[in-house]
Structure formats: C-alpha cells, structure tokens
Amino acid sequence: MSDFIHDGKRLRFWPVTGEVIGSSKHSQTQVYGGGGGGYLHQGTGYLSGGQISSSSVTCHEFWLRLDDGTEMPVSLRGVDIPLRAGQRITLIAGGPANVDEGQYCILVNHSANRYWFIYGAKGLNERYGIEVAKGRTIGLMLLYAFSLIVLDGMLGLNDWFSQSFNNDQQTLIVLGGLLAYPIYRHIRRKVRTGRLVRRLEAHLRNLALQAFGQA
C-alpha cells in the first residue's frame, strides 16, 4: 500500500486480511471522583462528598484467521463495528516508517462491501505529530522585542514615538505588534493542519478502495 508523505515525514500502511472466526463486545466503565473534603474535631465537623462521573468505552474483540491459517486476536476500543463469524475483512494499519508497530486505521468488510474508519486522519496527526507547532513563535517575539530596543538606541525611536502618540495609543501599538505575529502563526497553523487532515482523509479512503480490489 502507498505511503503518505508530508513535510518530510512518512506514514506507511499495511493490510491484514482474513476471516472472522469469533466476535464479542463488552463495555468498560471508568468511574472518576474527587473534590470531597471537610474536617472532624472531637466528634464534630462536616464532610462533603465529591463529584462522581463515569464514561463507558465499547471494546470489540474478535479472532481473525489469516490466509496462511494463522489465527490472530484483534482488540478494538471505542468503535462499534458490526461483524459476524465467516465474514472476510481487511484491517489497514498505519504508523511512522521508522517503527515496526502502528495503529489500526480502517476496517474493510469485503462480505458486506463496506468500510469503517477506526482511527481517522485527525487522530493520526495528533498521535504521530505529522503537522505540529514548531515552537518558534516565542523566540521570534523575543527577537522582535530585542530588535525594537536596538533600533531605539540607534535611531532614537522612543522620542519620536512619545511625541507622536499618547500613552493609550502607545500601549495599543506595542500590544498589537507583539500579538499580531502569534495570531498569524496560529491561523496559518490551523490552515496547514486542515489541509493535512483533508489530504490524509483522502489517502485513507483510497487505501480502503484499494483493499477492496486486492482481497
């Protein structure tokens, strides 16, 4: 299967095809609590209960008989995909090209002629850091401030600045100058991330269609 390349980073994808020979689902409930407190002194005082919350996650476990006869266990969390014994499926996994392990991304059900995303493009980007912040904004802001100080010493900009604008205007101009670049960087990063996610989504769909033709 074809790799996905972005900004010098490569994700490789590989298929695992076989027949479902057993399938079961169950829910795992996680309970969270905290925030309680109070005090007791000589038998008097108070206690307050904390807040309790819970969340349930669907766990899907099944066995897959590969084409060479090997039986492989598969465990998926957070997805609820209909499967039954006897169906032929392909699991498409993906991960960085320099590691041997990856994440199941797509389940293709050849018997039902359908496919599902297990781990989408947004999740893959967050997990493997394909498009991430470079961490240069703060450094460039400091360089910008340092440059203003140097120019002020060389050209006497502070005197001109004080004569041209009142205190409120000076504050707005300085804050605007310091905030403009981080805002620009944030918007640019959002745009780049959005483009990456759309490209990767299209790549995943093509892999699913490719799996239909290879089974």
N, C-alpha and C. Protein backbone atom coordinates (compact mmCIF):
# COMPACT_ATOMS: atom_id res chain seq x y z
N MET A 1 0.84 -1.19 0.00
CA MET A 1 0.00 0.00 0.00
C MET A 1 0.88 1.25 0.00
N SER A 2 0.37 2.32 -0.59
CA SER A 2 1.18 3.52 -0.75
C SER A 2 1.34 4.26 0.57
N ASP A 3 2.52 4.86 0.73
CA ASP A 3 2.81 5.65 1.93
C ASP A 3 2.19 7.04 1.80
N PHE A 4 2.11 7.72 2.95
CA PHE A 4 1.67 9.11 2.99
C PHE A 4 2.85 9.96 3.44
N ILE A 5 3.19 10.98 2.67
CA ILE A 5 4.35 11.81 2.96
C ILE A 5 3.90 13.25 3.13
N HIS A 6 4.36 13.87 4.21
CA HIS A 6 4.05 15.28 4.46
C HIS A 6 5.23 15.94 5.15
N ASP A 7 5.76 16.97 4.54
CA ASP A 7 6.83 17.77 5.13
C ASP A 7 8.00 16.89 5.59
N GLY A 8 8.36 15.91 4.78
CA GLY A 8 9.47 15.03 5.09
C GLY A 8 9.14 13.89 6.03
N LYS A 9 7.92 13.83 6.53
CA LYS A 9 7.51 12.75 7.43
C LYS A 9 6.69 11.73 6.64
N ARG A 10 6.95 10.45 6.91
CA ARG A 10 6.34 9.38 6.14
C ARG A 10 5.54 8.45 7.05
N LEU A 11 4.29 8.21 6.66
CA LEU A 11 3.47 7.18 7.30
C LEU A 11 3.33 6.02 6.33
N ARG A 12 3.62 4.82 6.80
CA ARG A 12 3.43 3.65 5.95
C ARG A 12 2.17 2.92 6.40
N PHE A 13 1.54 2.23 5.47
CA PHE A 13 0.31 1.50 5.75
C PHE A 13 0.44 0.08 5.23
N TRP A 14 -0.15 -0.87 5.94
CA TRP A 14 -0.09 -2.27 5.53
C TRP A 14 -1.41 -2.96 5.89
N PRO A 15 -1.81 -3.95 5.08
CA PRO A 15 -3.08 -4.64 5.31
C PRO A 15 -2.90 -5.98 6.01
N VAL A 16 -3.93 -6.37 6.75
CA VAL A 16 -4.03 -7.71 7.33
C VAL A 16 -5.41 -8.25 6.95
N THR A 17 -5.43 -9.32 6.16
CA THR A 17 -6.69 -9.85 5.63
C THR A 17 -6.94 -11.25 6.15
N GLY A 18 -8.20 -11.53 6.46
CA GLY A 18 -8.55 -12.87 6.93
C GLY A 18 -10.05 -13.01 7.15
N GLU A 19 -10.43 -14.13 7.76
CA GLU A 19 -11.84 -14.45 8.02
C GLU A 19 -12.12 -14.36 9.51
N VAL A 20 -13.20 -13.68 9.85
CA VAL A 20 -13.61 -13.57 11.25
C VAL A 20 -14.11 -14.93 11.72
N ILE A 21 -13.56 -15.44 12.82
CA ILE A 21 -13.99 -16.75 13.33
C ILE A 21 -14.62 -16.64 14.72
N GLY A 22 -14.73 -15.44 15.24
CA GLY A 22 -15.37 -15.25 16.54
C GLY A 22 -15.35 -13.78 16.89
N SER A 23 -16.44 -13.28 17.48
CA SER A 23 -16.53 -11.86 17.77
C SER A 23 -17.33 -11.64 19.04
N SER A 24 -16.88 -10.73 19.87
CA SER A 24 -17.61 -10.38 21.10
C SER A 24 -17.38 -8.92 21.42
N LYS A 25 -18.37 -8.33 22.11
CA LYS A 25 -18.28 -6.93 22.51
C LYS A 25 -18.65 -6.80 23.98
N HIS A 26 -18.04 -5.86 24.64
CA HIS A 26 -18.42 -5.53 26.00
C HIS A 26 -18.04 -4.08 26.27
N SER A 27 -18.63 -3.52 27.29
CA SER A 27 -18.37 -2.13 27.66
C SER A 27 -17.52 -2.08 28.92
N GLN A 28 -16.57 -1.17 28.92
CA GLN A 28 -15.78 -0.89 30.11
C GLN A 28 -16.19 0.47 30.65
N THR A 29 -16.56 0.50 31.92
CA THR A 29 -16.98 1.75 32.55
C THR A 29 -15.89 2.23 33.50
N GLN A 30 -15.48 3.45 33.30
CA GLN A 30 -14.48 4.07 34.17
C GLN A 30 -15.17 5.13 35.02
N VAL A 31 -14.94 5.06 36.32
CA VAL A 31 -15.56 5.99 37.27
C VAL A 31 -14.49 6.94 37.79
N TYR A 32 -14.80 8.22 37.76
CA TYR A 32 -13.89 9.25 38.25
C TYR A 32 -14.54 9.98 39.41
N GLY A 33 -13.77 10.29 40.42
CA GLY A 33 -14.30 11.02 41.57
C GLY A 33 -13.24 11.90 42.18
N GLY A 34 -13.70 12.89 42.91
CA GLY A 34 -12.76 13.78 43.58
C GLY A 34 -13.47 15.01 44.09
N GLY A 35 -12.74 15.81 44.80
CA GLY A 35 -13.29 17.08 45.27
C GLY A 35 -13.90 17.05 46.65
N GLY A 36 -14.00 15.88 47.27
CA GLY A 36 -14.58 15.81 48.61
C GLY A 36 -13.62 16.36 49.66
N GLY A 37 -14.20 16.71 50.82
CA GLY A 37 -13.34 17.23 51.88
C GLY A 37 -14.12 17.53 53.13
N GLY A 38 -13.50 18.21 54.07
CA GLY A 38 -14.14 18.57 55.33
C GLY A 38 -13.18 18.42 56.48
N TYR A 39 -13.72 18.46 57.71
CA TYR A 39 -12.87 18.27 58.88
C TYR A 39 -13.69 17.67 60.02
N LEU A 40 -13.03 17.01 60.91
CA LEU A 40 -13.63 16.46 62.12
C LEU A 40 -12.73 16.84 63.30
N HIS A 41 -13.38 17.26 64.39
CA HIS A 41 -12.63 17.60 65.60
C HIS A 41 -13.46 17.25 66.82
N GLN A 42 -12.97 16.31 67.61
CA GLN A 42 -13.65 15.85 68.82
C GLN A 42 -15.10 15.45 68.52
N GLY A 43 -15.26 14.76 67.45
CA GLY A 43 -16.58 14.23 67.11
C GLY A 43 -17.50 15.18 66.38
N THR A 44 -17.07 16.39 66.14
CA THR A 44 -17.91 17.34 65.41
C THR A 44 -17.17 17.80 64.16
N GLY A 45 -17.92 18.35 63.23
CA GLY A 45 -17.35 18.82 61.99
C GLY A 45 -18.27 18.51 60.83
N TYR A 46 -17.70 18.45 59.65
CA TYR A 46 -18.53 18.15 58.48
C TYR A 46 -17.67 17.44 57.44
N LEU A 47 -18.34 16.74 56.57
CA LEU A 47 -17.72 16.10 55.42
C LEU A 47 -18.57 16.40 54.20
N SER A 48 -17.94 16.73 53.11
CA SER A 48 -18.67 16.98 51.87
C SER A 48 -18.27 15.95 50.83
N GLY A 49 -19.25 15.46 50.12
CA GLY A 49 -18.99 14.46 49.09
C GLY A 49 -18.41 15.09 47.83
N GLY A 50 -17.60 14.32 47.13
CA GLY A 50 -17.04 14.80 45.88
C GLY A 50 -17.95 14.52 44.70
N GLN A 51 -17.54 14.99 43.56
CA GLN A 51 -18.29 14.76 42.34
C GLN A 51 -17.86 13.45 41.70
N ILE A 52 -18.84 12.68 41.27
CA ILE A 52 -18.59 11.39 40.64
C ILE A 52 -19.05 11.45 39.18
N SER A 53 -18.21 11.01 38.28
CA SER A 53 -18.57 10.92 36.86
C SER A 53 -18.07 9.61 36.30
N SER A 54 -18.67 9.18 35.22
CA SER A 54 -18.27 7.91 34.61
C SER A 54 -18.36 8.01 33.10
N SER A 55 -17.64 7.14 32.44
CA SER A 55 -17.68 7.05 30.98
C SER A 55 -17.55 5.60 30.58
N SER A 56 -18.23 5.24 29.51
CA SER A 56 -18.21 3.86 29.02
C SER A 56 -17.52 3.80 27.66
N VAL A 57 -16.71 2.78 27.48
CA VAL A 57 -15.99 2.57 26.23
C VAL A 57 -16.33 1.18 25.70
N THR A 58 -16.71 1.11 24.42
CA THR A 58 -17.00 -0.18 23.80
C THR A 58 -15.71 -0.88 23.43
N CYS A 59 -15.57 -2.13 23.85
CA CYS A 59 -14.42 -2.95 23.50
C CYS A 59 -14.88 -4.07 22.58
N HIS A 60 -14.27 -4.16 21.42
CA HIS A 60 -14.65 -5.16 20.42
C HIS A 60 -13.46 -6.10 20.23
N GLU A 61 -13.68 -7.35 20.55
CA GLU A 61 -12.62 -8.35 20.43
C GLU A 61 -13.07 -9.46 19.48
N PHE A 62 -12.17 -9.86 18.61
CA PHE A 62 -12.50 -10.96 17.69
C PHE A 62 -11.22 -11.65 17.25
N TRP A 63 -11.41 -12.84 16.70
CA TRP A 63 -10.30 -13.62 16.15
C TRP A 63 -10.38 -13.60 14.64
N LEU A 64 -9.20 -13.50 14.03
CA LEU A 64 -9.11 -13.45 12.58
C LEU A 64 -8.22 -14.59 12.10
N ARG A 65 -8.75 -15.42 11.19
CA ARG A 65 -7.95 -16.48 10.59
C ARG A 65 -7.34 -15.94 9.30
N LEU A 66 -6.01 -15.80 9.28
CA LEU A 66 -5.32 -15.26 8.12
C LEU A 66 -5.28 -16.28 7.00
N ASP A 67 -4.87 -15.82 5.82
CA ASP A 67 -4.86 -16.69 4.65
C ASP A 67 -3.89 -17.85 4.79
N ASP A 68 -2.86 -17.71 5.63
CA ASP A 68 -1.92 -18.81 5.83
C ASP A 68 -2.36 -19.76 6.95
N GLY A 69 -3.56 -19.55 7.48
CA GLY A 69 -4.09 -20.42 8.53
C GLY A 69 -3.83 -19.94 9.94
N THR A 70 -2.98 -18.93 10.10
CA THR A 70 -2.69 -18.40 11.43
C THR A 70 -3.91 -17.68 11.99
N GLU A 71 -4.16 -17.87 13.28
CA GLU A 71 -5.26 -17.17 13.94
C GLU A 71 -4.70 -16.03 14.78
N MET A 72 -5.28 -14.85 14.60
CA MET A 72 -4.75 -13.64 15.23
C MET A 72 -5.84 -12.95 16.04
N PRO A 73 -5.58 -12.62 17.31
CA PRO A 73 -6.57 -11.88 18.09
C PRO A 73 -6.51 -10.38 17.76
N VAL A 74 -7.67 -9.76 17.74
CA VAL A 74 -7.76 -8.33 17.48
C VAL A 74 -8.62 -7.70 18.56
N SER A 75 -8.18 -6.59 19.09
CA SER A 75 -8.93 -5.86 20.11
C SER A 75 -9.03 -4.40 19.70
N LEU A 76 -10.26 -3.91 19.60
CA LEU A 76 -10.51 -2.52 19.23
C LEU A 76 -11.26 -1.83 20.36
N ARG A 77 -10.90 -0.60 20.64
CA ARG A 77 -11.55 0.18 21.69
C ARG A 77 -12.19 1.43 21.10
N GLY A 78 -13.39 1.73 21.59
CA GLY A 78 -14.04 2.97 21.20
C GLY A 78 -14.73 2.94 19.86
N VAL A 79 -14.86 1.77 19.25
CA VAL A 79 -15.58 1.63 17.98
C VAL A 79 -16.59 0.50 18.09
N ASP A 80 -17.70 0.65 17.42
CA ASP A 80 -18.76 -0.36 17.44
C ASP A 80 -19.08 -0.74 15.99
N ILE A 81 -18.36 -1.72 15.48
CA ILE A 81 -18.49 -2.12 14.08
C ILE A 81 -19.18 -3.48 14.03
N PRO A 82 -20.24 -3.63 13.24
CA PRO A 82 -20.92 -4.92 13.15
C PRO A 82 -20.08 -5.96 12.41
N LEU A 83 -19.85 -7.08 13.06
CA LEU A 83 -19.10 -8.19 12.47
C LEU A 83 -19.74 -9.50 12.89
N ARG A 84 -19.60 -10.50 12.06
CA ARG A 84 -20.04 -11.85 12.45
C ARG A 84 -19.06 -12.86 11.88
N ALA A 85 -19.08 -14.04 12.46
CA ALA A 85 -18.18 -15.10 12.03
C ALA A 85 -18.43 -15.45 10.56
N GLY A 86 -17.36 -15.70 9.85
CA GLY A 86 -17.44 -16.07 8.45
C GLY A 86 -17.21 -14.92 7.49
N GLN A 87 -17.27 -13.70 7.97
CA GLN A 87 -17.05 -12.56 7.09
C GLN A 87 -15.55 -12.37 6.83
N ARG A 88 -15.25 -11.95 5.61
CA ARG A 88 -13.86 -11.69 5.23
C ARG A 88 -13.60 -10.19 5.36
N ILE A 89 -12.54 -9.84 6.08
CA ILE A 89 -12.25 -8.44 6.33
C ILE A 89 -10.76 -8.16 6.09
N THR A 90 -10.46 -6.88 5.94
CA THR A 90 -9.08 -6.41 5.90
C THR A 90 -8.93 -5.29 6.92
N LEU A 91 -7.96 -5.42 7.78
CA LEU A 91 -7.58 -4.34 8.69
C LEU A 91 -6.39 -3.61 8.10
N ILE A 92 -6.49 -2.30 7.98
CA ILE A 92 -5.39 -1.49 7.47
C ILE A 92 -4.77 -0.75 8.65
N ALA A 93 -3.50 -1.01 8.88
CA ALA A 93 -2.77 -0.36 9.97
C ALA A 93 -1.80 0.66 9.40
N GLY A 94 -1.48 1.66 10.21
CA GLY A 94 -0.54 2.68 9.77
C GLY A 94 0.32 3.17 10.91
N GLY A 95 1.51 3.63 10.58
CA GLY A 95 2.43 4.16 11.58
C GLY A 95 3.64 4.77 10.91
N PRO A 96 4.51 5.41 11.69
CA PRO A 96 5.72 6.00 11.12
C PRO A 96 6.58 4.96 10.42
N ALA A 97 7.24 5.37 9.37
CA ALA A 97 8.01 4.43 8.56
C ALA A 97 9.20 3.85 9.30
N ASN A 98 9.65 4.51 10.36
CA ASN A 98 10.86 4.05 11.06
C ASN A 98 10.57 3.16 12.26
N VAL A 99 9.30 2.76 12.45
CA VAL A 99 8.96 1.85 13.56
C VAL A 99 8.20 0.65 13.00
N ASP A 100 8.18 -0.43 13.77
CA ASP A 100 7.55 -1.66 13.32
C ASP A 100 6.09 -1.78 13.74
N GLU A 101 5.64 -0.94 14.65
CA GLU A 101 4.27 -1.02 15.13
C GLU A 101 3.45 0.15 14.59
N GLY A 102 2.13 -0.03 14.65
CA GLY A 102 1.25 1.02 14.16
C GLY A 102 -0.11 0.95 14.81
N GLN A 103 -1.04 1.68 14.23
CA GLN A 103 -2.39 1.81 14.75
C GLN A 103 -3.37 1.35 13.67
N TYR A 104 -4.36 0.49 14.07
CA TYR A 104 -5.40 0.13 13.11
C TYR A 104 -6.17 1.39 12.72
N CYS A 105 -6.28 1.62 11.42
CA CYS A 105 -6.93 2.83 10.90
C CYS A 105 -8.28 2.55 10.25
N ILE A 106 -8.37 1.46 9.51
CA ILE A 106 -9.56 1.17 8.72
C ILE A 106 -9.90 -0.30 8.83
N LEU A 107 -11.19 -0.60 8.90
CA LEU A 107 -11.66 -1.98 8.79
C LEU A 107 -12.52 -2.08 7.53
N VAL A 108 -12.10 -2.93 6.61
CA VAL A 108 -12.82 -3.15 5.35
C VAL A 108 -13.52 -4.50 5.44
N ASN A 109 -14.84 -4.49 5.31
CA ASN A 109 -15.63 -5.73 5.34
C ASN A 109 -15.97 -6.10 3.90
N HIS A 110 -15.25 -7.07 3.36
CA HIS A 110 -15.46 -7.46 1.97
C HIS A 110 -16.81 -8.15 1.79
N SER A 111 -17.24 -8.89 2.79
CA SER A 111 -18.51 -9.60 2.69
C SER A 111 -19.69 -8.63 2.66
N ALA A 112 -19.59 -7.54 3.41
CA ALA A 112 -20.66 -6.55 3.47
C ALA A 112 -20.44 -5.40 2.49
N ASN A 113 -19.28 -5.37 1.84
CA ASN A 113 -18.94 -4.31 0.89
C ASN A 113 -19.00 -2.93 1.55
N ARG A 114 -18.45 -2.85 2.76
CA ARG A 114 -18.43 -1.59 3.50
C ARG A 114 -17.09 -1.43 4.21
N TYR A 115 -16.79 -0.20 4.59
CA TYR A 115 -15.59 0.02 5.40
C TYR A 115 -15.87 1.09 6.45
N TRP A 116 -15.08 1.03 7.53
CA TRP A 116 -15.22 1.97 8.65
C TRP A 116 -13.85 2.50 9.02
N PHE A 117 -13.81 3.75 9.41
CA PHE A 117 -12.59 4.32 9.97
C PHE A 117 -12.51 3.97 11.45
N ILE A 118 -11.39 3.41 11.85
CA ILE A 118 -11.14 3.12 13.26
C ILE A 118 -10.38 4.28 13.90
N TYR A 119 -9.43 4.78 13.18
CA TYR A 119 -8.59 5.89 13.65
C TYR A 119 -8.44 6.84 12.48
N GLY A 120 -9.10 8.00 12.54
CA GLY A 120 -9.15 8.90 11.41
C GLY A 120 -7.90 9.75 11.24
N ALA A 121 -7.97 10.62 10.24
CA ALA A 121 -6.81 11.46 9.90
C ALA A 121 -6.44 12.40 11.04
N LYS A 122 -7.42 12.99 11.70
CA LYS A 122 -7.13 13.90 12.80
C LYS A 122 -6.42 13.17 13.94
N GLY A 123 -6.90 11.97 14.26
CA GLY A 123 -6.27 11.20 15.32
C GLY A 123 -4.85 10.78 14.98
N LEU A 124 -4.63 10.41 13.72
CA LEU A 124 -3.28 10.02 13.29
C LEU A 124 -2.31 11.20 13.39
N ASN A 125 -2.79 12.38 13.01
CA ASN A 125 -1.92 13.56 13.11
C ASN A 125 -1.56 13.85 14.56
N GLU A 126 -2.56 13.76 15.45
CA GLU A 126 -2.29 14.03 16.86
C GLU A 126 -1.38 12.97 17.48
N ARG A 127 -1.56 11.72 17.06
CA ARG A 127 -0.77 10.63 17.65
C ARG A 127 0.68 10.68 17.20
N TYR A 128 0.90 10.95 15.91
CA TYR A 128 2.25 10.85 15.36
C TYR A 128 2.89 12.21 15.05
N GLY A 129 2.18 13.30 15.31
CA GLY A 129 2.78 14.63 15.15
C GLY A 129 3.21 14.93 13.73
N ILE A 130 2.33 14.68 12.77
CA ILE A 130 2.69 14.93 11.37
C ILE A 130 2.78 16.43 11.10
N GLU A 131 1.80 17.17 11.57
CA GLU A 131 1.79 18.63 11.45
C GLU A 131 1.65 19.20 12.85
N VAL A 132 2.73 19.72 13.40
CA VAL A 132 2.73 20.22 14.77
C VAL A 132 3.34 21.61 14.81
N ALA A 133 3.09 22.30 15.92
CA ALA A 133 3.68 23.62 16.12
C ALA A 133 5.20 23.48 16.24
N LYS A 134 5.91 24.37 15.62
CA LYS A 134 7.37 24.30 15.61
C LYS A 134 8.01 24.93 16.85
N GLY A 135 7.22 25.66 17.65
CA GLY A 135 7.76 26.25 18.87
C GLY A 135 8.66 27.45 18.63
N ARG A 136 8.50 28.12 17.47
CA ARG A 136 9.38 29.24 17.16
C ARG A 136 8.74 30.59 17.47
N THR A 137 7.43 30.61 17.78
CA THR A 137 6.73 31.88 17.94
C THR A 137 7.31 32.71 19.07
N ILE A 138 7.52 32.10 20.25
CA ILE A 138 8.03 32.85 21.40
C ILE A 138 9.43 33.39 21.09
N GLY A 139 10.27 32.57 20.47
CA GLY A 139 11.61 33.02 20.13
C GLY A 139 11.60 34.20 19.18
N LEU A 140 10.70 34.17 18.19
CA LEU A 140 10.62 35.27 17.25
C LEU A 140 10.06 36.53 17.90
N MET A 141 9.14 36.36 18.86
CA MET A 141 8.63 37.52 19.60
C MET A 141 9.75 38.19 20.39
N LEU A 142 10.60 37.38 21.04
CA LEU A 142 11.72 37.94 21.79
C LEU A 142 12.70 38.65 20.86
N LEU A 143 12.93 38.04 19.68
CA LEU A 143 13.82 38.68 18.71
C LEU A 143 13.24 40.01 18.23
N TYR A 144 11.92 40.03 18.05
CA TYR A 144 11.23 41.25 17.63
C TYR A 144 11.40 42.34 18.68
N ALA A 145 11.18 41.99 19.96
CA ALA A 145 11.32 42.97 21.04
C ALA A 145 12.76 43.46 21.15
N PHE A 146 13.71 42.54 21.03
CA PHE A 146 15.13 42.92 21.10
C PHE A 146 15.50 43.86 19.95
N SER A 147 14.95 43.61 18.77
CA SER A 147 15.23 44.47 17.62
C SER A 147 14.71 45.88 17.85
N LEU A 148 13.53 45.99 18.48
CA LEU A 148 12.99 47.32 18.77
C LEU A 148 13.90 48.08 19.73
N ILE A 149 14.42 47.36 20.73
CA ILE A 149 15.31 48.00 21.70
C ILE A 149 16.58 48.50 21.01
N VAL A 150 17.15 47.67 20.14
CA VAL A 150 18.37 48.05 19.42
C VAL A 150 18.11 49.24 18.51
N LEU A 151 16.99 49.20 17.77
CA LEU A 151 16.68 50.31 16.87
C LEU A 151 16.42 51.60 17.64
N ASP A 152 15.79 51.46 18.80
CA ASP A 152 15.54 52.64 19.63
C ASP A 152 16.86 53.30 20.04
N GLY A 153 17.83 52.46 20.43
CA GLY A 153 19.13 53.00 20.82
C GLY A 153 19.87 53.64 19.67
N MET A 154 19.71 53.08 18.47
CA MET A 154 20.44 53.59 17.31
C MET A 154 19.77 54.82 16.70
N LEU A 155 18.46 54.83 16.64
CA LEU A 155 17.75 55.86 15.89
C LEU A 155 16.95 56.82 16.77
N GLY A 156 16.89 56.55 18.07
CA GLY A 156 16.10 57.42 18.94
C GLY A 156 14.62 57.33 18.68
N LEU A 157 14.13 56.15 18.41
CA LEU A 157 12.72 55.97 18.08
C LEU A 157 11.81 56.30 19.26
N ASN A 158 12.32 56.13 20.48
CA ASN A 158 11.46 56.33 21.65
C ASN A 158 10.98 57.78 21.74
N ASP A 159 11.87 58.74 21.43
CA ASP A 159 11.47 60.15 21.48
C ASP A 159 10.41 60.45 20.44
N TRP A 160 10.63 59.95 19.23
CA TRP A 160 9.62 60.16 18.16
C TRP A 160 8.31 59.50 18.52
N PHE A 161 8.39 58.29 19.08
CA PHE A 161 7.19 57.54 19.43
C PHE A 161 6.39 58.29 20.51
N SER A 162 7.09 58.83 21.50
CA SER A 162 6.42 59.53 22.60
C SER A 162 5.77 60.82 22.12
N GLN A 163 6.40 61.50 21.17
CA GLN A 163 5.85 62.75 20.67
C GLN A 163 4.68 62.53 19.72
N SER A 164 4.65 61.38 19.05
CA SER A 164 3.64 61.14 18.02
C SER A 164 2.36 60.53 18.58
N PHE A 165 2.44 59.79 19.69
CA PHE A 165 1.28 59.08 20.21
C PHE A 165 1.17 59.30 21.71
N ASN A 166 -0.09 59.29 22.20
CA ASN A 166 -0.29 59.37 23.64
C ASN A 166 -0.08 57.99 24.27
N ASN A 167 -0.19 57.91 25.60
CA ASN A 167 0.13 56.66 26.30
C ASN A 167 -0.77 55.51 25.88
N ASP A 168 -2.08 55.77 25.76
CA ASP A 168 -3.00 54.70 25.37
C ASP A 168 -2.70 54.20 23.96
N GLN A 169 -2.41 55.11 23.06
CA GLN A 169 -2.08 54.71 21.69
C GLN A 169 -0.78 53.92 21.65
N GLN A 170 0.19 54.34 22.46
CA GLN A 170 1.45 53.61 22.51
C GLN A 170 1.24 52.18 22.99
N THR A 171 0.39 52.03 24.03
CA THR A 171 0.12 50.68 24.56
C THR A 171 -0.53 49.80 23.51
N LEU A 172 -1.52 50.36 22.80
CA LEU A 172 -2.21 49.58 21.77
C LEU A 172 -1.27 49.18 20.64
N ILE A 173 -0.40 50.09 20.25
CA ILE A 173 0.53 49.80 19.15
C ILE A 173 1.51 48.70 19.55
N VAL A 174 2.06 48.80 20.76
CA VAL A 174 3.02 47.80 21.21
C VAL A 174 2.36 46.44 21.35
N LEU A 175 1.17 46.41 22.00
CA LEU A 175 0.47 45.13 22.16
C LEU A 175 0.07 44.55 20.80
N GLY A 176 -0.39 45.42 19.91
CA GLY A 176 -0.76 44.95 18.58
C GLY A 176 0.42 44.35 17.84
N GLY A 177 1.57 45.00 17.97
CA GLY A 177 2.77 44.48 17.31
C GLY A 177 3.20 43.14 17.87
N LEU A 178 3.08 42.98 19.20
CA LEU A 178 3.50 41.72 19.82
C LEU A 178 2.52 40.59 19.55
N LEU A 179 1.22 40.92 19.45
CA LEU A 179 0.21 39.87 19.28
C LEU A 179 -0.05 39.51 17.83
N ALA A 180 0.27 40.40 16.91
CA ALA A 180 -0.07 40.16 15.50
C ALA A 180 0.60 38.89 14.98
N TYR A 181 1.89 38.73 15.28
CA TYR A 181 2.58 37.56 14.73
C TYR A 181 2.09 36.25 15.32
N PRO A 182 1.91 36.13 16.66
CA PRO A 182 1.36 34.87 17.18
C PRO A 182 0.00 34.53 16.60
N ILE A 183 -0.85 35.55 16.42
CA ILE A 183 -2.17 35.29 15.83
C ILE A 183 -2.02 34.80 14.40
N TYR A 184 -1.14 35.44 13.65
CA TYR A 184 -0.88 34.99 12.28
C TYR A 184 -0.38 33.55 12.24
N ARG A 185 0.56 33.23 13.15
CA ARG A 185 1.11 31.87 13.20
C ARG A 185 0.03 30.86 13.55
N HIS A 186 -0.85 31.22 14.49
CA HIS A 186 -1.92 30.31 14.89
C HIS A 186 -2.86 30.04 13.72
N ILE A 187 -3.27 31.09 13.02
CA ILE A 187 -4.17 30.91 11.88
C ILE A 187 -3.49 30.09 10.79
N ARG A 188 -2.24 30.39 10.52
CA ARG A 188 -1.50 29.65 9.48
C ARG A 188 -1.38 28.18 9.83
N ARG A 189 -1.13 27.89 11.13
CA ARG A 189 -1.00 26.50 11.55
C ARG A 189 -2.34 25.77 11.43
N LYS A 190 -3.44 26.46 11.77
CA LYS A 190 -4.76 25.85 11.63
C LYS A 190 -5.06 25.52 10.17
N VAL A 191 -4.69 26.43 9.28
CA VAL A 191 -4.92 26.20 7.85
C VAL A 191 -4.09 25.01 7.37
N ARG A 192 -2.81 24.96 7.76
CA ARG A 192 -1.95 23.86 7.35
C ARG A 192 -2.45 22.52 7.91
N THR A 193 -2.89 22.53 9.15
CA THR A 193 -3.41 21.30 9.75
C THR A 193 -4.67 20.84 9.04
N GLY A 194 -5.55 21.79 8.71
CA GLY A 194 -6.77 21.43 7.99
C GLY A 194 -6.47 20.82 6.63
N ARG A 195 -5.50 21.38 5.93
CA ARG A 195 -5.12 20.82 4.62
C ARG A 195 -4.55 19.42 4.78
N LEU A 196 -3.72 19.24 5.80
CA LEU A 196 -3.14 17.91 6.03
C LEU A 196 -4.23 16.89 6.31
N VAL A 197 -5.18 17.23 7.19
CA VAL A 197 -6.23 16.28 7.56
C VAL A 197 -7.05 15.90 6.33
N ARG A 198 -7.37 16.87 5.48
CA ARG A 198 -8.14 16.56 4.27
C ARG A 198 -7.34 15.65 3.33
N ARG A 199 -6.05 15.92 3.17
CA ARG A 199 -5.22 15.06 2.31
C ARG A 199 -5.13 13.65 2.87
N LEU A 200 -4.95 13.54 4.18
CA LEU A 200 -4.82 12.23 4.80
C LEU A 200 -6.14 11.47 4.76
N GLU A 201 -7.27 12.17 4.93
CA GLU A 201 -8.58 11.52 4.81
C GLU A 201 -8.76 10.94 3.41
N ALA A 202 -8.39 11.71 2.39
CA ALA A 202 -8.50 11.22 1.02
C ALA A 202 -7.59 10.01 0.81
N HIS A 203 -6.40 10.04 1.40
CA HIS A 203 -5.47 8.91 1.27
C HIS A 203 -6.05 7.66 1.93
N LEU A 204 -6.66 7.81 3.10
CA LEU A 204 -7.26 6.66 3.79
C LEU A 204 -8.42 6.08 2.98
N ARG A 205 -9.24 6.94 2.40
CA ARG A 205 -10.34 6.44 1.56
C ARG A 205 -9.79 5.66 0.36
N ASN A 206 -8.73 6.17 -0.24
CA ASN A 206 -8.12 5.45 -1.37
C ASN A 206 -7.57 4.10 -0.95
N LEU A 207 -7.00 4.03 0.26
CA LEU A 207 -6.49 2.75 0.77
C LEU A 207 -7.63 1.75 0.96
N ALA A 208 -8.77 2.23 1.45
CA ALA A 208 -9.92 1.34 1.64
C ALA A 208 -10.40 0.79 0.30
N LEU A 209 -10.50 1.66 -0.70
CA LEU A 209 -10.92 1.21 -2.03
C LEU A 209 -9.89 0.27 -2.64
N GLN A 210 -8.61 0.54 -2.37
CA GLN A 210 -7.55 -0.34 -2.85
C GLN A 210 -7.66 -1.72 -2.22
N ALA A 211 -8.04 -1.77 -0.94
CA ALA A 211 -8.18 -3.06 -0.25
C ALA A 211 -9.30 -3.89 -0.86
N PHE A 212 -10.38 -3.25 -1.30
CA PHE A 212 -11.46 -3.98 -1.94
C PHE A 212 -10.96 -4.70 -3.19
N GLY A 213 -10.06 -4.05 -3.92
CA GLY A 213 -9.56 -4.66 -5.15
C GLY A 213 -8.52 -5.73 -4.93
N GLN A 214 -7.88 -5.75 -3.75
CA GLN A 214 -6.81 -6.71 -3.51
C GLN A 214 -7.30 -7.98 -2.83
N ALA A 215 -8.46 -7.95 -2.21
CA ALA A 215 -8.91 -9.12 -1.44
C ALA A 215 -9.33 -10.25 -2.35
